[in-house]
Amino acid sequence: MGGLVANEGTMDRSLRIALGVTILLLGFSDLLPGLWGASARIFGWYPLLTGLAGWCPLYSLLGIRTHSR
């Protein structure tokens, strides 16, 4: 059984990692109060993890590919 095929290019991955780290830092730094901070702590993981993995499930569903073969 094969693994996941990368569908994110280098620039896409770099931007996702930077965005994820930034959102998580904002969420955990108490700069965002209440629901905003909690949302940042939850949703910041998505861009970070997809950037590290190089694969985005939403891209797969929509047939988007920024990774060149």
PDB file of N, CA and C in Angstrom:
ATOM      1  N   MET A   1       0.839  -1.179   0.000  1.00  0.00           N
ATOM      2  CA  MET A   1       0.000   0.000   0.000  1.00  0.00           C
ATOM      3  C   MET A   1       0.882   1.240   0.000  1.00  0.00           C
ATOM      4  N   GLY A   2       0.639   2.166  -0.919  1.00  0.00           N
ATOM      5  CA  GLY A   2       1.479   3.348  -1.063  1.00  0.00           C
ATOM      6  C   GLY A   2       1.161   4.415  -0.028  1.00  0.00           C
ATOM      7  N   GLY A   3       2.118   5.331   0.132  1.00  0.00           N
ATOM      8  CA  GLY A   3       1.934   6.427   1.071  1.00  0.00           C
ATOM      9  C   GLY A   3       1.244   7.605   0.402  1.00  0.00           C
ATOM     10  N   LEU A   4       1.162   8.670   1.138  1.00  0.00           N
ATOM     11  CA  LEU A   4       0.556   9.888   0.616  1.00  0.00           C
ATOM     12  C   LEU A   4       1.496  10.529  -0.390  1.00  0.00           C
ATOM     13  N   VAL A   5       0.946  11.018  -1.477  1.00  0.00           N
ATOM     14  CA  VAL A   5       1.737  11.686  -2.502  1.00  0.00           C
ATOM     15  C   VAL A   5       1.741  13.175  -2.199  1.00  0.00           C
ATOM     16  N   ALA A   6       2.930  13.771  -2.127  1.00  0.00           N
ATOM     17  CA  ALA A   6       3.048  15.191  -1.819  1.00  0.00           C
ATOM     18  C   ALA A   6       2.285  16.020  -2.850  1.00  0.00           C
ATOM     19  N   ASN A   7       1.488  16.974  -2.368  1.00  0.00           N
ATOM     20  CA  ASN A   7       0.767  17.850  -3.282  1.00  0.00           C
ATOM     21  C   ASN A   7       1.034  19.319  -2.983  1.00  0.00           C
ATOM     22  N   GLU A   8       2.061  19.596  -2.164  1.00  0.00           N
ATOM     23  CA  GLU A   8       2.443  20.960  -1.844  1.00  0.00           C
ATOM     24  C   GLU A   8       3.880  21.212  -2.272  1.00  0.00           C
ATOM     25  N   GLY A   9       4.089  22.331  -2.921  1.00  0.00           N
ATOM     26  CA  GLY A   9       5.430  22.723  -3.336  1.00  0.00           C
ATOM     27  C   GLY A   9       6.214  23.319  -2.176  1.00  0.00           C
ATOM     28  N   THR A  10       7.477  23.602  -2.406  1.00  0.00           N
ATOM     29  CA  THR A  10       8.369  24.112  -1.367  1.00  0.00           C
ATOM     30  C   THR A  10       7.892  25.445  -0.801  1.00  0.00           C
ATOM     31  N   MET A  11       7.513  26.372  -1.669  1.00  0.00           N
ATOM     32  CA  MET A  11       7.051  27.683  -1.200  1.00  0.00           C
ATOM     33  C   MET A  11       5.743  27.540  -0.415  1.00  0.00           C
ATOM     34  N   ASP A  12       4.837  26.731  -0.910  1.00  0.00           N
ATOM     35  CA  ASP A  12       3.566  26.476  -0.233  1.00  0.00           C
ATOM     36  C   ASP A  12       3.821  25.910   1.163  1.00  0.00           C
ATOM     37  N   ARG A  13       4.702  24.942   1.249  1.00  0.00           N
ATOM     38  CA  ARG A  13       5.019  24.323   2.540  1.00  0.00           C
ATOM     39  C   ARG A  13       5.632  25.331   3.500  1.00  0.00           C
ATOM     40  N   SER A  14       6.563  26.130   3.003  1.00  0.00           N
ATOM     41  CA  SER A  14       7.227  27.128   3.848  1.00  0.00           C
ATOM     42  C   SER A  14       6.226  28.141   4.399  1.00  0.00           C
ATOM     43  N   LEU A  15       5.326  28.608   3.540  1.00  0.00           N
ATOM     44  CA  LEU A  15       4.320  29.572   3.980  1.00  0.00           C
ATOM     45  C   LEU A  15       3.367  28.957   5.000  1.00  0.00           C
ATOM     46  N   ARG A  16       2.979  27.706   4.788  1.00  0.00           N
ATOM     47  CA  ARG A  16       2.086  27.033   5.734  1.00  0.00           C
ATOM     48  C   ARG A  16       2.748  26.858   7.097  1.00  0.00           C
ATOM     49  N   ILE A  17       4.009  26.468   7.098  1.00  0.00           N
ATOM     50  CA  ILE A  17       4.730  26.291   8.365  1.00  0.00           C
ATOM     51  C   ILE A  17       4.834  27.617   9.098  1.00  0.00           C
ATOM     52  N   ALA A  18       5.224  28.673   8.386  1.00  0.00           N
ATOM     53  CA  ALA A  18       5.344  29.997   9.008  1.00  0.00           C
ATOM     54  C   ALA A  18       3.995  30.487   9.525  1.00  0.00           C
ATOM     55  N   LEU A  19       2.947  30.298   8.748  1.00  0.00           N
ATOM     56  CA  LEU A  19       1.613  30.721   9.161  1.00  0.00           C
ATOM     57  C   LEU A  19       1.145  29.936  10.393  1.00  0.00           C
ATOM     58  N   GLY A  20       1.359  28.627  10.373  1.00  0.00           N
ATOM     59  CA  GLY A  20       0.953  27.794  11.504  1.00  0.00           C
ATOM     60  C   GLY A  20       1.666  28.182  12.785  1.00  0.00           C
ATOM     61  N   VAL A  21       2.972  28.386  12.700  1.00  0.00           N
ATOM     62  CA  VAL A  21       3.750  28.781  13.881  1.00  0.00           C
ATOM     63  C   VAL A  21       3.280  30.142  14.389  1.00  0.00           C
ATOM     64  N   THR A  22       3.048  31.079  13.479  1.00  0.00           N
ATOM     65  CA  THR A  22       2.593  32.413  13.865  1.00  0.00           C
ATOM     66  C   THR A  22       1.234  32.357  14.558  1.00  0.00           C
ATOM     67  N   ILE A  23       0.301  31.618  13.989  1.00  0.00           N
ATOM     68  CA  ILE A  23      -1.032  31.506  14.594  1.00  0.00           C
ATOM     69  C   ILE A  23      -0.949  30.856  15.971  1.00  0.00           C
ATOM     70  N   LEU A  24      -0.151  29.793  16.084  1.00  0.00           N
ATOM     71  CA  LEU A  24      -0.010  29.130  17.383  1.00  0.00           C
ATOM     72  C   LEU A  24       0.641  30.044  18.413  1.00  0.00           C
ATOM     73  N   LEU A  25       1.663  30.789  18.012  1.00  0.00           N
ATOM     74  CA  LEU A  25       2.304  31.718  18.948  1.00  0.00           C
ATOM     75  C   LEU A  25       1.330  32.791  19.416  1.00  0.00           C
ATOM     76  N   LEU A  26       0.519  33.305  18.504  1.00  0.00           N
ATOM     77  CA  LEU A  26      -0.496  34.288  18.898  1.00  0.00           C
ATOM     78  C   LEU A  26      -1.501  33.680  19.871  1.00  0.00           C
ATOM     79  N   GLY A  27      -1.894  32.449  19.604  1.00  0.00           N
ATOM     80  CA  GLY A  27      -2.863  31.789  20.475  1.00  0.00           C
ATOM     81  C   GLY A  27      -2.341  31.503  21.864  1.00  0.00           C
ATOM     82  N   PHE A  28      -1.085  31.089  21.943  1.00  0.00           N
ATOM     83  CA  PHE A  28      -0.518  30.721  23.242  1.00  0.00           C
ATOM     84  C   PHE A  28       0.104  31.906  23.988  1.00  0.00           C
ATOM     85  N   SER A  29       0.237  33.067  23.334  1.00  0.00           N
ATOM     86  CA  SER A  29       0.887  34.214  23.963  1.00  0.00           C
ATOM     87  C   SER A  29      -0.080  35.128  24.712  1.00  0.00           C
ATOM     88  N   ASP A  30      -1.350  34.816  24.688  1.00  0.00           N
ATOM     89  CA  ASP A  30      -2.384  35.638  25.335  1.00  0.00           C
ATOM     90  C   ASP A  30      -2.576  36.991  24.664  1.00  0.00           C
ATOM     91  N   LEU A  31      -2.076  37.161  23.445  1.00  0.00           N
ATOM     92  CA  LEU A  31      -2.339  38.387  22.694  1.00  0.00           C
ATOM     93  C   LEU A  31      -3.759  38.381  22.123  1.00  0.00           C
ATOM     94  N   LEU A  32      -4.290  37.195  21.911  1.00  0.00           N
ATOM     95  CA  LEU A  32      -5.660  37.055  21.420  1.00  0.00           C
ATOM     96  C   LEU A  32      -6.530  36.577  22.575  1.00  0.00           C
ATOM     97  N   PRO A  33      -7.503  37.377  22.969  1.00  0.00           N
ATOM     98  CA  PRO A  33      -8.319  37.014  24.131  1.00  0.00           C
ATOM     99  C   PRO A  33      -9.433  36.028  23.804  1.00  0.00           C
ATOM    100  N   GLY A  34      -9.836  35.285  24.809  1.00  0.00           N
ATOM    101  CA  GLY A  34     -11.031  34.437  24.756  1.00  0.00           C
ATOM    102  C   GLY A  34     -11.097  33.467  23.601  1.00  0.00           C
ATOM    103  N   LEU A  35     -12.209  33.555  22.868  1.00  0.00           N
ATOM    104  CA  LEU A  35     -12.479  32.631  21.772  1.00  0.00           C
ATOM    105  C   LEU A  35     -11.446  32.751  20.647  1.00  0.00           C
ATOM    106  N   TRP A  36     -10.943  33.958  20.410  1.00  0.00           N
ATOM    107  CA  TRP A  36      -9.931  34.140  19.360  1.00  0.00           C
ATOM    108  C   TRP A  36      -8.662  33.357  19.698  1.00  0.00           C
ATOM    109  N   GLY A  37      -8.218  33.436  20.923  1.00  0.00           N
ATOM    110  CA  GLY A  37      -7.024  32.711  21.340  1.00  0.00           C
ATOM    111  C   GLY A  37      -7.219  31.208  21.288  1.00  0.00           C
ATOM    112  N   ALA A  38      -8.379  30.751  21.745  1.00  0.00           N
ATOM    113  CA  ALA A  38      -8.681  29.317  21.714  1.00  0.00           C
ATOM    114  C   ALA A  38      -8.748  28.817  20.276  1.00  0.00           C
ATOM    115  N   SER A  39      -9.349  29.601  19.398  1.00  0.00           N
ATOM    116  CA  SER A  39      -9.432  29.226  17.977  1.00  0.00           C
ATOM    117  C   SER A  39      -8.046  29.154  17.352  1.00  0.00           C
ATOM    118  N   ALA A  40      -7.181  30.100  17.697  1.00  0.00           N
ATOM    119  CA  ALA A  40      -5.817  30.100  17.160  1.00  0.00           C
ATOM    120  C   ALA A  40      -5.049  28.871  17.638  1.00  0.00           C
ATOM    121  N   ARG A  41      -5.249  28.495  18.901  1.00  0.00           N
ATOM    122  CA  ARG A  41      -4.562  27.311  19.433  1.00  0.00           C
ATOM    123  C   ARG A  41      -5.062  26.033  18.779  1.00  0.00           C
ATOM    124  N   ILE A  42      -6.286  26.016  18.309  1.00  0.00           N
ATOM    125  CA  ILE A  42      -6.836  24.834  17.642  1.00  0.00           C
ATOM    126  C   ILE A  42      -6.487  24.826  16.159  1.00  0.00           C
ATOM    127  N   PHE A  43      -6.805  25.911  15.469  1.00  0.00           N
ATOM    128  CA  PHE A  43      -6.675  25.935  14.009  1.00  0.00           C
ATOM    129  C   PHE A  43      -5.264  26.211  13.506  1.00  0.00           C
ATOM    130  N   GLY A  44      -4.355  26.646  14.353  1.00  0.00           N
ATOM    131  CA  GLY A  44      -2.969  26.867  13.944  1.00  0.00           C
ATOM    132  C   GLY A  44      -2.246  25.576  13.607  1.00  0.00           C
ATOM    133  N   TRP A  45      -2.738  24.461  14.140  1.00  0.00           N
ATOM    134  CA  TRP A  45      -2.093  23.175  13.884  1.00  0.00           C
ATOM    135  C   TRP A  45      -2.259  22.714  12.437  1.00  0.00           C
ATOM    136  N   TYR A  46      -3.382  23.072  11.795  1.00  0.00           N
ATOM    137  CA  TYR A  46      -3.645  22.584  10.432  1.00  0.00           C
ATOM    138  C   TYR A  46      -2.579  23.030   9.428  1.00  0.00           C
ATOM    139  N   PRO A  47      -2.307  24.329   9.306  1.00  0.00           N
ATOM    140  CA  PRO A  47      -1.281  24.714   8.338  1.00  0.00           C
ATOM    141  C   PRO A  47       0.111  24.199   8.726  1.00  0.00           C
ATOM    142  N   LEU A  48       0.399  24.154  10.015  1.00  0.00           N
ATOM    143  CA  LEU A  48       1.711  23.658  10.448  1.00  0.00           C
ATOM    144  C   LEU A  48       1.901  22.190  10.075  1.00  0.00           C
ATOM    145  N   LEU A  49       0.939  21.362  10.404  1.00  0.00           N
ATOM    146  CA  LEU A  49       1.080  19.926  10.141  1.00  0.00           C
ATOM    147  C   LEU A  49       1.033  19.592   8.654  1.00  0.00           C
ATOM    148  N   THR A  50       0.169  20.277   7.897  1.00  0.00           N
ATOM    149  CA  THR A  50       0.129  20.004   6.452  1.00  0.00           C
ATOM    150  C   THR A  50       1.404  20.501   5.785  1.00  0.00           C
ATOM    151  N   GLY A  51       1.953  21.593   6.272  1.00  0.00           N
ATOM    152  CA  GLY A  51       3.225  22.083   5.732  1.00  0.00           C
ATOM    153  C   GLY A  51       4.370  21.129   6.020  1.00  0.00           C
ATOM    154  N   LEU A  52       4.405  20.579   7.219  1.00  0.00           N
ATOM    155  CA  LEU A  52       5.460  19.626   7.568  1.00  0.00           C
ATOM    156  C   LEU A  52       5.306  18.322   6.789  1.00  0.00           C
ATOM    157  N   ALA A  53       4.071  17.900   6.568  1.00  0.00           N
ATOM    158  CA  ALA A  53       3.821  16.650   5.848  1.00  0.00           C
ATOM    159  C   ALA A  53       3.980  16.806   4.337  1.00  0.00           C
ATOM    160  N   GLY A  54       3.744  18.016   3.824  1.00  0.00           N
ATOM    161  CA  GLY A  54       3.805  18.226   2.378  1.00  0.00           C
ATOM    162  C   GLY A  54       2.560  17.738   1.659  1.00  0.00           C
ATOM    163  N   TRP A  55       1.527  17.451   2.409  1.00  0.00           N
ATOM    164  CA  TRP A  55       0.280  16.922   1.843  1.00  0.00           C
ATOM    165  C   TRP A  55      -0.900  17.584   2.524  1.00  0.00           C
ATOM    166  N   CYS A  56      -1.854  18.047   1.729  1.00  0.00           N
ATOM    167  CA  CYS A  56      -3.043  18.704   2.246  1.00  0.00           C
ATOM    168  C   CYS A  56      -4.277  17.925   1.797  1.00  0.00           C
ATOM    169  N   PRO A  57      -5.101  17.459   2.733  1.00  0.00           N
ATOM    170  CA  PRO A  57      -6.291  16.707   2.341  1.00  0.00           C
ATOM    171  C   PRO A  57      -7.269  17.546   1.520  1.00  0.00           C
ATOM    172  N   LEU A  58      -7.380  18.829   1.810  1.00  0.00           N
ATOM    173  CA  LEU A  58      -8.278  19.690   1.043  1.00  0.00           C
ATOM    174  C   LEU A  58      -7.796  19.820  -0.399  1.00  0.00           C
ATOM    175  N   TYR A  59      -6.487  19.961  -0.595  1.00  0.00           N
ATOM    176  CA  TYR A  59      -5.927  19.997  -1.955  1.00  0.00           C
ATOM    177  C   TYR A  59      -6.272  18.708  -2.700  1.00  0.00           C
ATOM    178  N   SER A  60      -6.168  17.577  -2.019  1.00  0.00           N
ATOM    179  CA  SER A  60      -6.488  16.292  -2.656  1.00  0.00           C
ATOM    180  C   SER A  60      -7.944  16.240  -3.098  1.00  0.00           C
ATOM    181  N   LEU A  61      -8.840  16.703  -2.249  1.00  0.00           N
ATOM    182  CA  LEU A  61     -10.264  16.701  -2.591  1.00  0.00           C
ATOM    183  C   LEU A  61     -10.561  17.615  -3.782  1.00  0.00           C
ATOM    184  N   LEU A  62      -9.872  18.745  -3.854  1.00  0.00           N
ATOM    185  CA  LEU A  62     -10.131  19.721  -4.916  1.00  0.00           C
ATOM    186  C   LEU A  62      -9.257  19.515  -6.153  1.00  0.00           C
ATOM    187  N   GLY A  63      -8.324  18.561  -6.083  1.00  0.00           N
ATOM    188  CA  GLY A  63      -7.445  18.296  -7.223  1.00  0.00           C
ATOM    189  C   GLY A  63      -6.371  19.360  -7.439  1.00  0.00           C
ATOM    190  N   ILE A  64      -6.026  20.073  -6.372  1.00  0.00           N
ATOM    191  CA  ILE A  64      -5.008  21.124  -6.462  1.00  0.00           C
ATOM    192  C   ILE A  64      -3.638  20.508  -6.172  1.00  0.00           C
ATOM    193  N   ARG A  65      -2.635  20.981  -6.894  1.00  0.00           N
ATOM    194  CA  ARG A  65      -1.276  20.473  -6.714  1.00  0.00           C
ATOM    195  C   ARG A  65      -0.285  21.609  -6.953  1.00  0.00           C
ATOM    196  N   THR A  66       0.488  21.983  -5.942  1.00  0.00           N
ATOM    197  CA  THR A  66       1.513  23.013  -6.110  1.00  0.00           C
ATOM    198  C   THR A  66       2.905  22.405  -6.155  1.00  0.00           C
ATOM    199  N   HIS A  67       2.986  21.102  -6.016  1.00  0.00           N
ATOM    200  CA  HIS A  67       4.258  20.378  -6.057  1.00  0.00           C
ATOM    201  C   HIS A  67       4.525  19.926  -7.498  1.00  0.00           C
ATOM    202  N   SER A  68       5.691  20.285  -8.003  1.00  0.00           N
ATOM    203  CA  SER A  68       6.036  19.843  -9.356  1.00  0.00           C
ATOM    204  C   SER A  68       6.656  18.457  -9.290  1.00  0.00           C
ATOM    205  N   ARG A  69       6.425  17.685 -10.289  1.00  0.00           N
ATOM    206  CA  ARG A  69       6.941  16.312 -10.289  1.00  0.00           C
ATOM    207  C   ARG A  69       8.333  16.242 -10.817  1.00  0.00           C
TER     208      ARG A  69
END
